[in-house]
Amino acid sequence: MADWATIAEVGTAAGTLVLAFATFGATRSANRSARIAERAFEARLRPVLVPSRLEDPAEKIMWGDQHWTRLLGGRASVEVGEEVVYLTMSLRNVGSGMAVIHAWWAEPISVATPSPKPEARSTRRAPPSPAKTRAS
């Protein structure tokens, strides 16, 4: 004759084990979904810089030392001053995040002999202008 108490305990243990596996699977799936949603959210906040269009209007740019530059759409310029070189480029941010350009370089177009790109360590930020520094 079957011992009903033992059968009930084994049935409860089996049910608990099934629920444990289901909980583990649901937690793992939820974590995976959260990671995917986080990556999608971050992707929407990234800036995407592209060259501006040729038909974009010209921009007038004033530098900190009162030097003015006029830049047409889809172009870049290099101006050599007495003690400084002014680099300008016309870009569009088609992403939704804020873009900050830390460094860039200009090189002449040469189809015959492409020049190697500089190492990231060799570029540096320009020192802040005196007007933009905070008083201590």
C-alpha atoms as a PDB file:
ATOM      1  CA  MET A   1       0.000   0.000   0.000  1.00  0.00           C
ATOM      2  CA  ALA A   2       1.282   3.488  -0.873  1.00  0.00           C
ATOM      3  CA  ASP A   3       2.291   5.904   1.830  1.00  0.00           C
ATOM      4  CA  TRP A   4       0.308   9.053   0.880  1.00  0.00           C
ATOM      5  CA  ALA A   5       2.394  11.320   3.069  1.00  0.00           C
ATOM      6  CA  THR A   6       5.591  10.332   1.239  1.00  0.00           C
ATOM      7  CA  ILE A   7       3.913  10.723  -2.159  1.00  0.00           C
ATOM      8  CA  ALA A   8       2.672  14.197  -1.181  1.00  0.00           C
ATOM      9  CA  GLU A   9       6.167  15.248  -0.006  1.00  0.00           C
ATOM     10  CA  VAL A  10       7.791  13.990  -3.232  1.00  0.00           C
ATOM     11  CA  GLY A  11       5.124  15.759  -5.301  1.00  0.00           C
ATOM     12  CA  THR A  12       5.706  19.012  -3.385  1.00  0.00           C
ATOM     13  CA  ALA A  13       9.468  18.689  -3.841  1.00  0.00           C
ATOM     14  CA  ALA A  14       9.084  18.056  -7.590  1.00  0.00           C
ATOM     15  CA  GLY A  15       6.747  21.050  -7.949  1.00  0.00           C
ATOM     16  CA  THR A  16       9.163  23.258  -6.031  1.00  0.00           C
ATOM     17  CA  LEU A  17      12.031  22.115  -8.273  1.00  0.00           C
ATOM     18  CA  VAL A  18      10.004  22.921 -11.416  1.00  0.00           C
ATOM     19  CA  LEU A  19       9.183  26.392 -10.031  1.00  0.00           C
ATOM     20  CA  ALA A  20      12.878  26.975  -9.232  1.00  0.00           C
ATOM     21  CA  PHE A  21      13.879  26.196 -12.830  1.00  0.00           C
ATOM     22  CA  ALA A  22      11.101  28.432 -14.168  1.00  0.00           C
ATOM     23  CA  THR A  23      12.178  31.296 -11.878  1.00  0.00           C
ATOM     24  CA  PHE A  24      15.811  30.907 -12.933  1.00  0.00           C
ATOM     25  CA  GLY A  25      14.839  30.977 -16.608  1.00  0.00           C
ATOM     26  CA  ALA A  26      12.596  34.032 -16.174  1.00  0.00           C
ATOM     27  CA  THR A  27      15.279  35.940 -14.249  1.00  0.00           C
ATOM     28  CA  ARG A  28      17.898  35.153 -16.868  1.00  0.00           C
ATOM     29  CA  SER A  29      15.557  36.219 -19.668  1.00  0.00           C
ATOM     30  CA  ALA A  30      14.685  39.455 -17.839  1.00  0.00           C
ATOM     31  CA  ASN A  31      18.377  40.287 -17.351  1.00  0.00           C
ATOM     32  CA  ARG A  32      19.034  39.689 -21.041  1.00  0.00           C
ATOM     33  CA  SER A  33      16.096  41.915 -22.008  1.00  0.00           C
ATOM     34  CA  ALA A  34      17.320  44.664 -19.662  1.00  0.00           C
ATOM     35  CA  ARG A  35      20.806  44.583 -21.255  1.00  0.00           C
ATOM     36  CA  ILE A  36      19.292  44.807 -24.744  1.00  0.00           C
ATOM     37  CA  ALA A  37      17.066  47.732 -23.713  1.00  0.00           C
ATOM     38  CA  GLU A  38      20.037  49.520 -22.115  1.00  0.00           C
ATOM     39  CA  ARG A  39      22.119  49.158 -25.283  1.00  0.00           C
ATOM     40  CA  ALA A  40      19.230  50.451 -27.411  1.00  0.00           C
ATOM     41  CA  PHE A  41      18.820  53.434 -25.062  1.00  0.00           C
ATOM     42  CA  GLU A  42      22.537  54.258 -25.221  1.00  0.00           C
ATOM     43  CA  ALA A  43      22.537  53.970 -29.014  1.00  0.00           C
ATOM     44  CA  ARG A  44      19.833  56.639 -29.244  1.00  0.00           C
ATOM     45  CA  LEU A  45      21.914  59.036 -27.144  1.00  0.00           C
ATOM     46  CA  ARG A  46      25.039  58.781 -29.252  1.00  0.00           C
ATOM     47  CA  PRO A  47      26.026  61.641 -31.501  1.00  0.00           C
ATOM     48  CA  VAL A  48      26.577  60.892 -35.169  1.00  0.00           C
ATOM     49  CA  LEU A  49      28.669  63.519 -36.955  1.00  0.00           C
ATOM     50  CA  VAL A  50      28.511  63.729 -40.731  1.00  0.00           C
ATOM     51  CA  PRO A  51      29.773  66.365 -43.159  1.00  0.00           C
ATOM     52  CA  SER A  52      27.291  69.145 -43.722  1.00  0.00           C
ATOM     53  CA  ARG A  53      25.631  69.474 -47.104  1.00  0.00           C
ATOM     54  CA  LEU A  54      27.066  71.681 -49.835  1.00  0.00           C
ATOM     55  CA  GLU A  55      23.780  73.604 -50.011  1.00  0.00           C
ATOM     56  CA  ASP A  56      23.887  74.500 -46.282  1.00  0.00           C
ATOM     57  CA  PRO A  57      24.283  78.233 -45.625  1.00  0.00           C
ATOM     58  CA  ALA A  58      27.666  79.722 -44.807  1.00  0.00           C
ATOM     59  CA  GLU A  59      28.576  80.033 -41.132  1.00  0.00           C
ATOM     60  CA  LYS A  60      30.405  82.990 -39.627  1.00  0.00           C
ATOM     61  CA  ILE A  61      32.722  81.833 -36.853  1.00  0.00           C
ATOM     62  CA  MET A  62      34.415  84.122 -34.338  1.00  0.00           C
ATOM     63  CA  TRP A  63      37.413  82.802 -32.448  1.00  0.00           C
ATOM     64  CA  GLY A  64      38.413  83.817 -28.922  1.00  0.00           C
ATOM     65  CA  ASP A  65      41.000  86.284 -30.229  1.00  0.00           C
ATOM     66  CA  GLN A  66      38.353  88.124 -32.334  1.00  0.00           C
ATOM     67  CA  HIS A  67      39.463  86.413 -35.585  1.00  0.00           C
ATOM     68  CA  TRP A  68      36.541  85.803 -37.965  1.00  0.00           C
ATOM     69  CA  THR A  69      36.169  82.923 -40.442  1.00  0.00           C
ATOM     70  CA  ARG A  70      33.409  82.379 -43.020  1.00  0.00           C
ATOM     71  CA  LEU A  71      32.830  78.715 -43.804  1.00  0.00           C
ATOM     72  CA  LEU A  72      30.608  77.349 -46.568  1.00  0.00           C
ATOM     73  CA  GLY A  73      28.578  74.174 -46.096  1.00  0.00           C
ATOM     74  CA  GLY A  74      30.309  70.829 -46.608  1.00  0.00           C
ATOM     75  CA  ARG A  75      33.789  72.302 -46.379  1.00  0.00           C
ATOM     76  CA  ALA A  76      36.712  72.793 -44.028  1.00  0.00           C
ATOM     77  CA  SER A  77      39.389  75.440 -43.888  1.00  0.00           C
ATOM     78  CA  VAL A  78      42.869  75.999 -42.522  1.00  0.00           C
ATOM     79  CA  GLU A  79      44.081  79.547 -41.860  1.00  0.00           C
ATOM     80  CA  VAL A  80      47.586  80.295 -40.642  1.00  0.00           C
ATOM     81  CA  GLY A  81      47.913  83.338 -38.383  1.00  0.00           C
ATOM     82  CA  GLU A  82      50.998  84.873 -36.804  1.00  0.00           C
ATOM     83  CA  GLU A  83      51.020  82.600 -33.751  1.00  0.00           C
ATOM     84  CA  VAL A  84      48.081  80.276 -34.323  1.00  0.00           C
ATOM     85  CA  VAL A  85      46.516  77.977 -36.906  1.00  0.00           C
ATOM     86  CA  TYR A  86      42.718  78.124 -37.255  1.00  0.00           C
ATOM     87  CA  LEU A  87      41.070  74.838 -38.263  1.00  0.00           C
ATOM     88  CA  THR A  88      37.365  74.871 -39.119  1.00  0.00           C
ATOM     89  CA  MET A  89      35.034  72.231 -40.484  1.00  0.00           C
ATOM     90  CA  SER A  90      31.334  72.183 -41.187  1.00  0.00           C
ATOM     91  CA  LEU A  91      29.572  69.206 -39.586  1.00  0.00           C
ATOM     92  CA  ARG A  92      26.029  68.084 -38.782  1.00  0.00           C
ATOM     93  CA  ASN A  93      24.997  66.049 -35.770  1.00  0.00           C
ATOM     94  CA  VAL A  94      22.325  63.649 -37.015  1.00  0.00           C
ATOM     95  CA  GLY A  95      22.260  61.717 -33.725  1.00  0.00           C
ATOM     96  CA  SER A  96      20.515  62.774 -30.556  1.00  0.00           C
ATOM     97  CA  GLY A  97      23.497  63.043 -28.211  1.00  0.00           C
ATOM     98  CA  MET A  98      25.862  65.966 -27.737  1.00  0.00           C
ATOM     99  CA  ALA A  99      29.091  65.668 -29.721  1.00  0.00           C
ATOM    100  CA  VAL A 100      32.437  66.896 -28.421  1.00  0.00           C
ATOM    101  CA  ILE A 101      35.426  66.803 -30.742  1.00  0.00           C
ATOM    102  CA  HIS A 102      38.644  66.378 -28.808  1.00  0.00           C
ATOM    103  CA  ALA A 103      41.096  66.462 -31.714  1.00  0.00           C
ATOM    104  CA  TRP A 104      41.342  66.328 -35.491  1.00  0.00           C
ATOM    105  CA  TRP A 105      43.974  66.868 -38.132  1.00  0.00           C
ATOM    106  CA  ALA A 106      44.064  68.165 -41.669  1.00  0.00           C
ATOM    107  CA  GLU A 107      46.085  66.712 -44.486  1.00  0.00           C
ATOM    108  CA  PRO A 108      46.285  67.468 -48.190  1.00  0.00           C
ATOM    109  CA  ILE A 109      44.500  65.102 -50.515  1.00  0.00           C
ATOM    110  CA  SER A 110      46.980  62.786 -52.180  1.00  0.00           C
ATOM    111  CA  VAL A 111      45.692  59.815 -54.114  1.00  0.00           C
ATOM    112  CA  ALA A 112      49.147  58.486 -55.028  1.00  0.00           C
ATOM    113  CA  THR A 113      50.677  58.329 -51.534  1.00  0.00           C
ATOM    114  CA  PRO A 114      48.228  58.038 -48.654  1.00  0.00           C
ATOM    115  CA  SER A 115      49.705  59.258 -45.381  1.00  0.00           C
ATOM    116  CA  PRO A 116      49.357  57.219 -42.184  1.00  0.00           C
ATOM    117  CA  LYS A 117      46.957  58.455 -39.510  1.00  0.00           C
ATOM    118  CA  PRO A 118      48.603  59.843 -36.351  1.00  0.00           C
ATOM    119  CA  GLU A 119      48.410  57.938 -33.093  1.00  0.00           C
ATOM    120  CA  ALA A 120      45.688  59.096 -30.714  1.00  0.00           C
ATOM    121  CA  ARG A 121      48.342  59.733 -28.064  1.00  0.00           C
ATOM    122  CA  SER A 122      50.069  62.281 -30.316  1.00  0.00           C
ATOM    123  CA  THR A 123      46.998  64.541 -30.422  1.00  0.00           C
ATOM    124  CA  ARG A 124      46.248  66.892 -27.557  1.00  0.00           C
ATOM    125  CA  ARG A 125      43.605  69.373 -26.567  1.00  0.00           C
ATOM    126  CA  ALA A 126      44.262  73.055 -27.029  1.00  0.00           C
ATOM    127  CA  PRO A 127      44.864  74.939 -23.784  1.00  0.00           C
ATOM    128  CA  PRO A 128      41.778  76.780 -22.535  1.00  0.00           C
ATOM    129  CA  SER A 129      41.529  80.451 -23.378  1.00  0.00           C
ATOM    130  CA  PRO A 130      41.972  82.822 -20.419  1.00  0.00           C
ATOM    131  CA  ALA A 131      38.375  84.035 -20.721  1.00  0.00           C
ATOM    132  CA  LYS A 132      36.982  80.512 -20.253  1.00  0.00           C
ATOM    133  CA  THR A 133      38.993  79.474 -17.197  1.00  0.00           C
ATOM    134  CA  ARG A 134      37.358  79.701 -13.799  1.00  0.00           C
ATOM    135  CA  ALA A 135      38.882  81.860 -11.117  1.00  0.00           C
ATOM    136  CA  SER A 136      40.143  79.828  -8.173  1.00  0.00           C
END
